[in-house]
Amino acid sequence: MNTAATTVDAPALEARGLVKRYGHVTALSGADLVLHPGEVLAVIGDNGAGKSTLIKCLSGALVPDEGSIRVGGAAVTMRSPIDARSAGIETVYQHLAVSPARDISANLFMGREIRQPGVRGSVLRLLDRRAMRERSRILLEELGLATIQNLGQAVETLSGGQRQAVAVARAAAFGSRVIIMDEPTAALGVKESGKVLELIAQIRDRGIPVILISHDMPSVFEVADRIHVQRLGRRIACVPTSQLSMPDAVALMTGAVTPGAEHTSDAPVRVPAGAQ
């Protein structure tokens, strides 16, 4: 991964002119995206609009054929999810990447395990399970997830909402710049969906911007600061949520309304926590 110096006051994440082709099929056709610090940006679009391909390019799962990506103003080339993580980008997928048989703290620190100090950790490679559970407890309490009492219980014993919360907590723990969430409330009940939306708002309020991909329009309008509309492989609109109605968003998404200049703005609508 190649990076340049971070620019002050630059967008947290910026993509310009992304193109991705699969043979004769063009999934992305000059797609743009701008995410500002301390905001939730919802990405909506009909099936085949290129949302998944766009997110895969931003999370390092795909390499775009053309275009540029910047993180904090610094140009990056991400050729794998590991590169994205190194750039501070964490992704929570619809089909949760958790290990059901392992406990909560083991899932939170999966791939980033804490080793015991000294020779026991450096040579024998023994894990410091006590440290991982203590840090997990602190993180879950910060996110208002103290209802999960036993960090040693297997993830497969948790409810769907609690499993999603574990995946979100892991992203919040290590996503220093951007967190991407792909349909985080899919297959969840109303109560559990509401809890996940609260988590998203808490993460944003901690200063970490979130990209939310969702078909659940009420959830989008509840938590998003701006709405990015994807259609035919590119962004056709990006509007502050306060300036858009749900029917208008659906009309833009389906092509029933032709977007005008007033439908696209990259200006931030929220002042990040701690900003003057």
Protein backbone atom coordinates (compact mmCIF):
# COMPACT_ATOMS: atom_id res chain seq x y z
CA MET A 1 0.00 0.00 0.00
CA ASN A 2 1.40 3.38 -1.04
CA THR A 3 0.44 6.50 0.88
CA ALA A 4 1.25 10.18 0.82
CA ALA A 5 1.17 12.68 3.68
CA THR A 6 -2.22 13.21 5.32
CA THR A 7 -3.81 16.59 4.56
CA VAL A 8 -5.44 18.59 7.35
CA ASP A 9 -9.22 19.11 6.89
CA ALA A 10 -9.30 16.69 3.96
CA PRO A 11 -12.18 14.22 3.57
CA ALA A 12 -11.80 11.08 5.65
CA LEU A 13 -12.22 9.03 2.48
CA GLU A 14 -12.46 10.17 -1.13
CA ALA A 15 -12.86 8.17 -4.33
CA ARG A 16 -12.80 9.76 -7.76
CA GLY A 17 -13.54 8.26 -11.14
CA LEU A 18 -13.54 4.62 -10.07
CA VAL A 19 -13.99 2.19 -12.95
CA LYS A 20 -14.34 -1.57 -12.60
CA ARG A 21 -14.98 -3.88 -15.53
CA TYR A 22 -15.75 -7.59 -15.69
CA GLY A 23 -15.14 -8.43 -19.33
CA HIS A 24 -17.81 -6.58 -21.32
CA VAL A 25 -19.73 -5.63 -18.17
CA THR A 26 -18.89 -2.31 -16.51
CA ALA A 27 -19.85 -2.46 -12.82
CA LEU A 28 -18.45 0.99 -11.98
CA SER A 29 -18.44 3.80 -14.53
CA GLY A 30 -16.53 6.74 -13.06
CA ALA A 31 -17.92 6.45 -9.55
CA ASP A 32 -17.22 9.15 -6.96
CA LEU A 33 -17.64 9.13 -3.18
CA VAL A 34 -16.72 11.66 -0.49
CA LEU A 35 -16.91 10.86 3.24
CA HIS A 36 -16.21 13.58 5.79
CA PRO A 37 -14.92 13.13 9.35
CA GLY A 38 -17.62 12.55 11.93
CA GLU A 39 -20.52 11.77 9.59
CA VAL A 40 -22.67 8.86 8.50
CA LEU A 41 -22.91 8.60 4.72
CA ALA A 42 -25.65 6.26 3.48
CA VAL A 43 -25.12 4.60 0.10
CA ILE A 44 -28.37 3.55 -1.55
CA GLY A 45 -29.21 2.18 -4.97
CA ASP A 46 -31.25 -0.42 -6.80
CA ASN A 47 -29.91 -3.89 -7.51
CA GLY A 48 -27.10 -3.69 -10.06
CA ALA A 49 -26.31 -0.05 -9.25
CA GLY A 50 -22.72 -0.91 -8.35
CA LYS A 51 -22.96 -0.45 -4.58
CA SER A 52 -21.25 -3.73 -3.72
CA THR A 53 -18.46 -3.20 -6.24
CA LEU A 54 -17.88 0.33 -4.96
CA ILE A 55 -17.63 -0.86 -1.36
CA LYS A 56 -15.34 -3.73 -2.32
CA CYS A 57 -12.98 -1.23 -3.97
CA LEU A 58 -13.02 0.96 -0.86
CA SER A 59 -12.42 -2.00 1.47
CA GLY A 60 -9.54 -3.47 -0.55
CA ALA A 61 -11.46 -6.56 -1.71
CA LEU A 62 -11.25 -5.34 -5.34
CA VAL A 63 -8.71 -3.20 -7.18
CA PRO A 64 -10.37 -0.65 -9.50
CA ASP A 65 -9.25 -0.54 -13.13
CA GLU A 66 -9.19 3.26 -13.09
CA GLY A 67 -9.61 6.09 -10.61
CA SER A 68 -8.07 7.17 -7.32
CA ILE A 69 -8.73 6.68 -3.61
CA ARG A 70 -7.54 8.99 -0.85
CA VAL A 71 -7.69 8.49 2.91
CA GLY A 72 -7.34 11.71 4.89
CA GLY A 73 -6.07 13.40 1.73
CA ALA A 74 -3.33 10.81 1.21
CA ALA A 75 -3.38 8.75 -1.97
CA VAL A 76 -3.60 5.02 -1.30
CA THR A 77 -3.35 1.88 -3.40
CA MET A 78 -5.17 -0.96 -1.70
CA ARG A 79 -4.68 -4.43 -3.14
CA SER A 80 -6.19 -6.41 -0.27
CA PRO A 81 -8.36 -5.96 2.83
CA ILE A 82 -5.14 -6.01 4.83
CA ASP A 83 -4.04 -2.84 3.01
CA ALA A 84 -7.40 -1.26 3.84
CA ARG A 85 -7.01 -2.15 7.50
CA SER A 86 -3.52 -0.68 7.50
CA ALA A 87 -5.08 2.54 6.17
CA GLY A 88 -7.58 2.52 9.07
CA ILE A 89 -10.59 1.20 7.13
CA GLU A 90 -12.67 -1.56 8.75
CA THR A 91 -15.66 -3.28 7.14
CA VAL A 92 -18.64 -5.02 8.74
CA TYR A 93 -20.20 -7.33 6.16
CA GLN A 94 -23.82 -8.42 5.89
CA HIS A 95 -22.74 -12.02 6.35
CA LEU A 96 -20.81 -11.56 9.57
CA ALA A 97 -17.16 -12.58 9.48
CA VAL A 98 -17.22 -14.04 12.97
CA SER A 99 -16.10 -17.40 14.28
CA PRO A 100 -19.22 -18.83 15.97
CA ALA A 101 -17.41 -21.41 18.11
CA ARG A 102 -14.95 -18.91 19.60
CA ASP A 103 -15.73 -16.56 22.46
CA ILE A 104 -16.46 -12.84 22.23
CA SER A 105 -13.00 -11.54 23.11
CA ALA A 106 -11.36 -14.00 20.70
CA ASN A 107 -13.60 -12.68 17.92
CA LEU A 108 -12.88 -9.05 18.78
CA PHE A 109 -9.14 -9.65 18.56
CA MET A 110 -9.20 -12.15 15.69
CA GLY A 111 -6.04 -11.62 13.65
CA ARG A 112 -4.80 -9.05 16.17
CA GLU A 113 -4.32 -11.24 19.21
CA ILE A 114 -2.41 -9.88 22.20
CA ARG A 115 0.58 -12.01 23.18
CA GLN A 116 1.83 -12.52 26.70
CA PRO A 117 4.81 -10.35 27.66
CA GLY A 118 8.37 -11.57 27.40
CA VAL A 119 9.51 -14.94 26.13
CA ARG A 120 6.10 -16.52 26.70
CA GLY A 121 4.66 -14.29 24.00
CA SER A 122 7.58 -13.69 21.64
CA VAL A 123 8.91 -17.27 21.55
CA LEU A 124 6.13 -19.53 22.81
CA ARG A 125 3.47 -17.33 21.15
CA LEU A 126 1.12 -17.68 24.11
CA LEU A 127 -1.96 -15.42 24.09
CA ASP A 128 -2.75 -12.97 26.86
CA ARG A 129 -6.40 -13.92 27.19
CA ARG A 130 -6.88 -11.88 30.36
CA ALA A 131 -5.72 -8.69 28.62
CA MET A 132 -7.95 -9.34 25.62
CA ARG A 133 -11.00 -9.92 27.80
CA GLU A 134 -10.34 -6.79 29.86
CA ARG A 135 -9.96 -4.62 26.74
CA SER A 136 -13.05 -6.25 25.26
CA ARG A 137 -15.02 -5.43 28.40
CA ILE A 138 -13.95 -1.77 28.27
CA LEU A 139 -14.80 -1.49 24.58
CA LEU A 140 -18.25 -3.06 24.98
CA GLU A 141 -19.02 -0.78 27.92
CA GLU A 142 -17.99 2.28 25.88
CA LEU A 143 -20.43 1.20 23.17
CA GLY A 144 -23.22 0.58 25.66
CA LEU A 145 -23.06 -3.20 25.30
CA ALA A 146 -22.67 -4.06 28.96
CA THR A 147 -25.64 -6.44 28.62
CA ILE A 148 -23.18 -8.98 27.22
CA GLN A 149 -21.94 -10.15 30.59
CA ASN A 150 -19.86 -13.23 29.84
CA LEU A 151 -17.05 -12.46 27.43
CA GLY A 152 -16.06 -16.12 27.54
CA GLN A 153 -19.29 -17.35 25.96
CA ALA A 154 -19.26 -18.57 22.36
CA VAL A 155 -20.57 -16.13 19.76
CA GLU A 156 -22.96 -18.81 18.48
CA THR A 157 -24.89 -18.52 21.77
CA LEU A 158 -25.65 -14.81 21.14
CA SER A 159 -28.71 -13.35 19.46
CA GLY A 160 -28.47 -11.99 15.93
CA GLY A 161 -28.28 -8.41 17.20
CA GLN A 162 -25.59 -9.28 19.73
CA ARG A 163 -23.51 -10.99 17.04
CA GLN A 164 -23.83 -7.90 14.87
CA ALA A 165 -22.82 -5.79 17.88
CA VAL A 166 -19.65 -7.88 18.29
CA ALA A 167 -18.74 -7.30 14.63
CA VAL A 168 -19.44 -3.57 14.98
CA ALA A 169 -17.41 -3.39 18.20
CA ARG A 170 -14.46 -5.06 16.47
CA ALA A 171 -14.64 -2.52 13.65
CA ALA A 172 -14.90 0.35 16.13
CA ALA A 173 -11.88 -0.95 18.04
CA PHE A 174 -9.57 -1.00 15.03
CA GLY A 175 -11.17 1.29 12.42
CA SER A 176 -9.18 4.42 13.18
CA ARG A 177 -10.32 6.37 10.09
CA VAL A 178 -13.39 4.82 8.44
CA ILE A 179 -15.93 2.09 9.19
CA ILE A 180 -17.95 0.57 6.34
CA MET A 181 -21.16 -1.28 7.21
CA ASP A 182 -22.87 -3.43 4.59
CA GLU A 183 -26.56 -3.98 5.43
CA PRO A 184 -25.93 -4.15 9.20
CA THR A 185 -29.64 -4.43 10.08
CA ALA A 186 -30.49 -7.13 7.52
CA ALA A 187 -32.27 -10.11 9.08
CA LEU A 188 -32.59 -8.33 12.45
CA GLY A 189 -35.77 -7.55 14.34
CA VAL A 190 -36.98 -4.03 15.04
CA LYS A 191 -35.47 -3.87 18.54
CA GLU A 192 -32.10 -5.29 17.49
CA SER A 193 -31.99 -3.03 14.42
CA GLY A 194 -32.58 -0.04 16.65
CA LYS A 195 -29.64 -1.05 18.84
CA VAL A 196 -27.33 -1.34 15.84
CA LEU A 197 -28.40 2.13 14.67
CA GLU A 198 -27.58 3.45 18.14
CA LEU A 199 -24.12 1.89 17.82
CA ILE A 200 -23.60 3.59 14.46
CA ALA A 201 -24.54 6.96 15.96
CA GLN A 202 -22.20 6.38 18.92
CA ILE A 203 -19.31 5.53 16.60
CA ARG A 204 -19.97 8.69 14.60
CA ASP A 205 -20.13 10.77 17.77
CA ARG A 206 -16.70 9.40 18.72
CA GLY A 207 -15.42 11.06 15.53
CA ILE A 208 -15.17 7.97 13.30
CA PRO A 209 -17.11 8.39 10.03
CA VAL A 210 -19.32 5.56 8.81
CA ILE A 211 -20.41 4.45 5.35
CA LEU A 212 -23.76 2.70 5.65
CA ILE A 213 -25.03 0.55 2.78
CA SER A 214 -28.68 -0.26 3.31
CA HIS A 215 -32.00 -0.97 1.62
CA ASP A 216 -33.81 -0.06 4.83
CA MET A 217 -34.88 3.50 4.03
CA PRO A 218 -36.31 4.34 7.50
CA SER A 219 -32.97 3.34 9.04
CA VAL A 220 -31.10 5.41 6.46
CA PHE A 221 -33.15 8.51 7.22
CA GLU A 222 -32.84 7.94 10.97
CA VAL A 223 -29.05 7.84 11.19
CA ALA A 224 -27.47 9.25 7.98
CA ASP A 225 -26.20 12.80 7.61
CA ARG A 226 -25.97 12.60 3.81
CA ILE A 227 -27.37 10.17 1.26
CA HIS A 228 -25.25 9.00 -1.69
CA VAL A 229 -27.43 7.65 -4.53
CA GLN A 230 -25.76 5.09 -6.80
CA ARG A 231 -27.25 4.26 -10.20
CA LEU A 232 -25.84 2.52 -13.28
CA GLY A 233 -22.37 2.27 -11.81
CA ARG A 234 -21.87 5.85 -10.69
CA ARG A 235 -23.00 8.43 -8.18
CA ILE A 236 -25.92 10.43 -9.51
CA ALA A 237 -26.73 12.37 -6.35
CA CYS A 238 -25.47 13.13 -2.85
CA VAL A 239 -27.85 15.15 -0.71
CA PRO A 240 -28.04 16.09 2.99
CA THR A 241 -30.70 13.91 4.56
CA SER A 242 -32.51 16.97 5.88
CA GLN A 243 -33.03 18.20 2.31
CA LEU A 244 -34.43 14.96 0.90
CA SER A 245 -37.69 13.11 1.44
CA MET A 246 -37.94 9.35 1.37
CA PRO A 247 -40.08 9.33 -1.82
CA ASP A 248 -37.59 11.65 -3.54
CA ALA A 249 -34.72 9.34 -2.57
CA VAL A 250 -36.53 6.34 -4.03
CA ALA A 251 -37.35 8.33 -7.19
CA LEU A 252 -33.68 9.24 -7.67
CA MET A 253 -32.62 5.67 -6.99
CA THR A 254 -35.01 4.19 -9.54
CA GLY A 255 -34.54 6.83 -12.21
CA ALA A 256 -38.05 8.27 -11.91
CA VAL A 257 -36.49 11.70 -11.28
CA THR A 258 -33.57 13.13 -13.24
CA PRO A 259 -31.01 14.56 -10.79
CA GLY A 260 -30.04 18.20 -11.12
CA ALA A 261 -27.11 20.27 -9.87
CA GLU A 262 -28.89 20.75 -6.55
CA HIS A 263 -28.78 17.02 -5.94
CA THR A 264 -25.01 16.73 -5.60
CA SER A 265 -22.87 18.41 -2.97
CA ASP A 266 -19.66 17.23 -1.33
CA ALA A 267 -19.89 19.82 1.44
CA PRO A 268 -19.99 18.44 4.99
CA VAL A 269 -23.17 18.92 7.01
CA ARG A 270 -21.82 17.96 10.43
CA VAL A 271 -19.03 19.41 12.56
CA PRO A 272 -16.89 16.52 13.88
CA ALA A 273 -16.65 16.08 17.63
CA GLY A 274 -13.88 18.27 19.04
CA ALA A 275 -13.75 20.57 16.00
CA GLN A 276 -13.83 24.29 16.51
